[in-house]
Amino acid sequence: MVSVNVCISAHCHQKGAYNVMHTFQQMIEEYNLHGKVEMNEGFCTRHCGEGVSITVDGVSENVRPEAARDFFKTNILPKIK
């Protein structure tokens, strides 16, 4: 199972954390990945950047809401077995 944590602290909230979460949840539905991707909300990971701070299997990244679909396809889908 791929573990995805999206920061919802004030900084990431302002940068579109809920839009990123919503996009990821839509893609889980679209690709029928229930039980293969674990989505969690969390607070500051201290990896603030230009986008929303997320962690995929322990690796921190920054994602802008408009790039969330592409990020999911290139960084989450390949990890699913």
Protein backbone atom coordinates (compact mmCIF):
# COMPACT_ATOMS: atom_id res chain seq x y z
CA MET A 1 0.00 0.00 0.00
CA VAL A 2 1.24 3.47 -0.88
CA SER A 3 1.02 5.94 2.00
CA VAL A 4 0.27 9.56 1.04
CA ASN A 5 0.19 12.33 3.64
CA VAL A 6 -0.98 15.82 2.65
CA CYS A 7 -0.11 18.74 4.92
CA ILE A 8 -3.16 20.82 5.83
CA SER A 9 -1.43 23.40 8.02
CA ALA A 10 -2.17 27.09 7.42
CA HIS A 11 0.63 27.56 4.87
CA CYS A 12 -0.31 24.53 2.79
CA HIS A 13 -4.01 25.23 3.20
CA GLN A 14 -3.48 28.61 1.56
CA LYS A 15 -1.55 26.96 -1.27
CA GLY A 16 -4.40 24.53 -2.05
CA ALA A 17 -3.99 21.47 0.18
CA TYR A 18 -7.65 20.54 -0.06
CA ASN A 19 -7.56 20.82 -3.86
CA VAL A 20 -4.60 18.42 -3.93
CA MET A 21 -6.42 16.02 -1.58
CA HIS A 22 -9.56 16.20 -3.70
CA THR A 23 -7.62 15.52 -6.91
CA PHE A 24 -5.83 12.54 -5.36
CA GLN A 25 -9.14 11.15 -4.05
CA GLN A 26 -10.70 11.53 -7.52
CA MET A 27 -7.81 9.64 -9.05
CA ILE A 28 -8.09 6.85 -6.48
CA GLU A 29 -11.71 6.49 -7.60
CA GLU A 30 -10.85 6.80 -11.29
CA TYR A 31 -8.15 4.11 -11.13
CA ASN A 32 -10.05 1.95 -8.60
CA LEU A 33 -7.20 2.05 -6.08
CA HIS A 34 -9.15 1.52 -2.87
CA GLY A 35 -6.98 -0.45 -0.50
CA LYS A 36 -3.87 0.38 -2.51
CA VAL A 37 -3.41 4.06 -1.60
CA GLU A 38 -3.76 5.27 1.97
CA MET A 39 -4.59 8.99 2.10
CA ASN A 40 -3.96 10.93 5.30
CA GLU A 41 -4.07 14.55 6.36
CA GLY A 42 -1.30 15.86 8.55
CA PHE A 43 0.24 19.02 9.85
CA CYS A 44 3.48 20.79 9.11
CA THR A 45 6.21 18.50 7.84
CA ARG A 46 8.70 21.40 7.77
CA HIS A 47 9.14 20.95 4.01
CA CYS A 48 7.38 24.14 2.98
CA GLY A 49 7.95 25.22 -0.56
CA GLU A 50 6.13 26.66 -3.52
CA GLY A 51 3.39 24.06 -3.33
CA VAL A 52 1.58 21.86 -0.86
CA SER A 53 3.86 19.65 1.20
CA ILE A 54 3.08 15.97 0.77
CA THR A 55 4.84 12.79 1.77
CA VAL A 56 4.69 9.65 -0.36
CA ASP A 57 6.01 6.58 1.45
CA GLY A 58 8.14 8.81 3.67
CA VAL A 59 9.58 10.99 0.88
CA SER A 60 8.64 14.68 1.07
CA GLU A 61 7.61 16.57 -2.05
CA ASN A 62 5.85 19.84 -2.91
CA VAL A 63 2.90 19.84 -5.29
CA ARG A 64 0.88 22.68 -6.72
CA PRO A 65 -2.84 21.95 -7.11
CA GLU A 66 -2.70 22.39 -10.88
CA ALA A 67 0.03 19.73 -11.10
CA ALA A 68 -1.60 17.20 -8.75
CA ARG A 69 -2.93 14.90 -11.50
CA ASP A 70 0.47 14.66 -13.20
CA PHE A 71 2.19 14.16 -9.85
CA PHE A 72 -0.18 11.30 -9.00
CA LYS A 73 0.48 9.64 -12.37
CA THR A 74 4.27 9.92 -12.17
CA ASN A 75 4.94 9.53 -8.43
CA ILE A 76 2.12 7.45 -6.95
CA LEU A 77 0.79 5.14 -9.68
CA PRO A 78 4.22 3.54 -10.37
CA LYS A 79 4.52 2.54 -6.69
CA ILE A 80 1.29 0.53 -6.73
CA LYS A 81 1.79 -3.21 -7.01
